[in-house]
């Protein structure tokens, strides 16, 4: 019998309301693929934690995350610490300011505008700050980000020197009076905080 011949000899014995149906087997490639997925699912199942001997995808994820945390801890420990005075001094260093401005324009301007007047993110040119306007507070915000508001932790992406340059550049944006700035947000900077930004 030719399996590709839909002849009457392939009709099934039963019928429903006078309707008969052919016995059409599935293509062999489809059956082999189906059997392969069953074998794969069994192998995948025994590799899950608590079921088989394999470490499993969750354990693999945890191992990779632990390695990443260790790598970032090492990088953070090796990073030079910046004092408030050094950060203010950087805000008067033309080469570091140029690097900070370039990076700010590349990664920060989408939320803060190129002139720092604020868009999605707050205005960086006025006296009001959500996370602190002192030099080291600005450096901290740039470094660790504000994840709940969508600001990445740039300290995990940029080199420490570049993070400091960006923070120093932000210091220079104060009182620049951009056009149509975003309304003030946060707490007004105290006179003491303003003094820490002086050269």
Protein backbone atom coordinates (compact mmCIF):
# COMPACT_ATOMS: atom_id res chain seq x y z
CA UNK A 1 0.00 0.00 0.00
CA UNK A 2 1.29 3.44 -0.93
CA UNK A 3 1.10 5.65 2.19
CA UNK A 4 0.80 8.73 -0.02
CA UNK A 5 -2.18 7.38 -1.91
CA UNK A 6 -5.43 8.71 -0.40
CA UNK A 7 -7.29 5.76 -1.78
CA UNK A 8 -10.39 4.12 -0.35
CA UNK A 9 -8.29 1.46 1.34
CA UNK A 10 -7.09 4.12 3.83
CA UNK A 11 -10.57 5.06 4.94
CA UNK A 12 -11.25 4.34 8.58
CA UNK A 13 -13.96 1.89 9.46
CA UNK A 14 -16.14 4.29 11.42
CA UNK A 15 -18.19 7.19 10.18
CA UNK A 16 -20.15 10.03 11.72
CA UNK A 17 -23.40 11.06 10.06
CA UNK A 18 -22.17 9.52 6.85
CA UNK A 19 -18.81 11.27 7.02
CA UNK A 20 -15.72 9.11 6.77
CA UNK A 21 -12.14 10.15 7.37
CA UNK A 22 -8.76 9.09 6.05
CA UNK A 23 -6.04 7.70 8.27
CA UNK A 24 -3.37 10.28 7.45
CA UNK A 25 -0.23 9.71 9.55
CA UNK A 26 1.90 12.70 10.49
CA UNK A 27 5.09 13.30 8.50
CA UNK A 28 8.06 11.44 9.86
CA UNK A 29 10.13 14.64 10.30
CA UNK A 30 7.39 16.06 12.51
CA UNK A 31 7.29 12.90 14.63
CA UNK A 32 11.08 12.87 15.00
CA UNK A 33 11.02 16.51 16.06
CA UNK A 34 8.28 15.77 18.57
CA UNK A 35 10.23 12.84 20.04
CA UNK A 36 13.36 15.02 20.21
CA UNK A 37 11.50 17.66 22.24
CA UNK A 38 10.38 14.97 24.68
CA UNK A 39 13.96 13.78 25.13
CA UNK A 40 15.17 17.37 25.52
CA UNK A 41 12.49 18.12 28.14
CA UNK A 42 13.58 15.12 30.20
CA UNK A 43 17.24 16.19 30.04
CA UNK A 44 16.25 19.75 30.93
CA UNK A 45 14.09 18.55 33.81
CA UNK A 46 16.80 16.48 35.49
CA UNK A 47 19.16 19.48 35.33
CA UNK A 48 16.89 21.62 37.52
CA UNK A 49 17.90 22.15 41.16
CA UNK A 50 16.23 19.79 43.60
CA UNK A 51 15.20 17.28 40.91
CA UNK A 52 18.35 15.93 39.34
CA UNK A 53 22.10 16.06 39.70
CA UNK A 54 22.70 19.12 37.52
CA UNK A 55 23.34 22.59 38.89
CA UNK A 56 20.49 24.03 36.87
CA UNK A 57 19.89 27.38 35.25
CA UNK A 58 19.04 29.13 38.53
CA UNK A 59 22.30 27.96 40.10
CA UNK A 60 24.17 29.06 36.97
CA UNK A 61 22.54 32.49 37.22
CA UNK A 62 23.44 32.83 40.91
CA UNK A 63 27.04 31.82 40.20
CA UNK A 64 27.37 34.40 37.41
CA UNK A 65 25.82 37.11 39.58
CA UNK A 66 28.22 36.32 42.44
CA UNK A 67 31.16 36.57 40.03
CA UNK A 68 29.86 39.93 38.75
CA UNK A 69 29.44 41.26 42.30
CA UNK A 70 32.99 40.20 43.15
CA UNK A 71 34.31 41.86 39.99
CA UNK A 72 32.52 45.13 40.78
CA UNK A 73 33.69 45.01 44.42
CA UNK A 74 37.26 44.62 43.22
CA UNK A 75 36.87 47.52 40.80
CA UNK A 76 35.29 49.69 43.49
CA UNK A 77 38.08 48.89 45.95
CA UNK A 78 40.69 49.77 43.34
CA UNK A 79 38.94 53.01 42.42
CA UNK A 80 40.58 56.13 43.81
CA UNK A 81 38.59 58.00 46.42
CA UNK A 82 37.74 61.59 45.59
CA UNK A 83 37.45 64.24 48.25
CA UNK A 84 35.07 67.16 48.07
CA UNK A 85 37.92 69.60 47.49
CA UNK A 86 39.33 67.45 44.68
CA UNK A 87 35.93 67.25 43.00
CA UNK A 88 35.54 71.03 43.15
CA UNK A 89 39.06 71.39 41.75
CA UNK A 90 38.10 69.07 38.88
CA UNK A 91 35.28 71.47 38.02
CA UNK A 92 38.02 73.99 37.08
CA UNK A 93 40.17 71.56 35.10
CA UNK A 94 39.46 72.19 31.37
CA UNK A 95 40.49 68.72 30.19
CA UNK A 96 38.42 66.88 32.81
CA UNK A 97 35.47 69.22 32.22
CA UNK A 98 35.64 68.53 28.48
CA UNK A 99 35.56 64.78 29.15
CA UNK A 100 32.70 65.21 31.63
CA UNK A 101 30.70 67.35 29.22
CA UNK A 102 31.16 64.86 26.38
CA UNK A 103 29.96 61.97 28.55
CA UNK A 104 27.11 64.04 29.99
CA UNK A 105 25.94 64.91 26.48
CA UNK A 106 26.15 61.25 25.48
CA UNK A 107 24.45 59.52 28.41
CA UNK A 108 22.77 62.15 30.60
CA UNK A 109 21.31 64.70 28.18
CA UNK A 110 18.41 62.45 27.20
CA UNK A 111 16.93 62.87 30.68
CA UNK A 112 18.48 66.15 31.85
CA UNK A 113 18.84 67.99 28.48
CA UNK A 114 22.25 69.05 27.14
CA UNK A 115 21.99 72.33 29.07
CA UNK A 116 21.00 70.52 32.30
CA UNK A 117 17.59 72.20 32.39
CA UNK A 118 15.75 68.94 33.02
CA UNK A 119 13.49 66.75 30.92
CA UNK A 120 12.52 63.37 32.34
CA UNK A 121 15.14 63.92 35.02
CA UNK A 122 15.31 66.99 37.25
CA UNK A 123 16.76 70.40 36.49
CA UNK A 124 20.46 70.43 37.42
CA UNK A 125 20.94 74.19 37.16
CA UNK A 126 18.80 75.53 40.00
CA UNK A 127 19.19 75.49 43.79
CA UNK A 128 16.86 72.51 44.34
CA UNK A 129 18.11 68.94 44.63
CA UNK A 130 16.29 65.67 45.17
CA UNK A 131 19.33 63.63 46.22
CA UNK A 132 21.61 66.36 47.51
CA UNK A 133 23.51 69.13 45.78
CA UNK A 134 26.87 68.87 47.57
CA UNK A 135 29.74 67.71 45.36
CA UNK A 136 30.10 64.29 46.97
CA UNK A 137 26.32 63.81 46.98
CA UNK A 138 26.24 64.50 43.25
CA UNK A 139 29.13 62.08 42.74
CA UNK A 140 27.26 59.45 44.77
CA UNK A 141 24.08 59.90 42.73
CA UNK A 142 25.96 59.58 39.46
CA UNK A 143 27.82 56.52 40.76
CA UNK A 144 24.95 54.47 42.22
CA UNK A 145 22.11 55.95 40.15
CA UNK A 146 18.46 56.12 41.11
CA UNK A 147 17.09 52.76 39.87
CA UNK A 148 13.50 53.36 41.00
CA UNK A 149 13.39 56.47 38.79
CA UNK A 150 15.20 54.92 35.85
CA UNK A 151 18.66 56.43 36.35
CA UNK A 152 21.37 53.78 35.83
CA UNK A 153 24.29 53.29 38.18
CA UNK A 154 26.93 54.85 35.96
CA UNK A 155 29.65 53.73 38.35
CA UNK A 156 29.11 50.19 37.03
CA UNK A 157 29.50 51.32 33.42
CA UNK A 158 31.98 54.19 33.37
CA UNK A 159 35.50 54.36 34.75
CA UNK A 160 35.78 56.12 38.13
CA UNK A 161 37.73 59.01 36.63
CA UNK A 162 34.99 59.60 34.07
CA UNK A 163 32.27 59.43 36.72
CA UNK A 164 34.13 62.10 38.68
CA UNK A 165 34.46 64.20 35.53
CA UNK A 166 30.71 64.00 34.92
CA UNK A 167 29.98 65.00 38.53
CA UNK A 168 32.44 67.89 38.22
CA UNK A 169 30.74 69.02 35.02
CA UNK A 170 27.34 68.92 36.76
CA UNK A 171 28.76 71.31 39.37
CA UNK A 172 29.42 73.85 36.61
CA UNK A 173 25.79 73.78 35.47
CA UNK A 174 24.54 75.51 38.60
CA UNK A 175 22.99 78.92 38.02
CA UNK A 176 23.44 78.80 34.22
CA UNK A 177 19.77 79.75 33.60
CA UNK A 178 18.83 77.57 30.59
CA UNK A 179 15.74 78.42 28.54
CA UNK A 180 12.48 76.87 29.73
CA UNK A 181 13.96 74.88 32.64
CA UNK A 182 11.99 72.22 34.43
CA UNK A 183 10.30 73.53 37.61
CA UNK A 184 12.24 73.04 40.86
CA UNK A 185 12.11 69.62 42.50
CA UNK A 186 13.39 68.47 45.85
CA UNK A 187 14.89 70.56 48.63
CA UNK A 188 16.57 73.92 48.25
CA UNK A 189 20.33 73.79 48.69
CA UNK A 190 21.47 75.42 51.91
CA UNK A 191 24.08 78.17 52.02
CA UNK A 192 26.46 75.69 53.63
CA UNK A 193 26.00 73.26 50.76
CA UNK A 194 26.54 76.06 48.26
CA UNK A 195 29.80 76.98 49.97
CA UNK A 196 31.16 73.46 49.48
CA UNK A 197 30.90 73.98 45.72
CA UNK A 198 33.02 77.11 45.75
CA UNK A 199 36.60 76.82 44.43
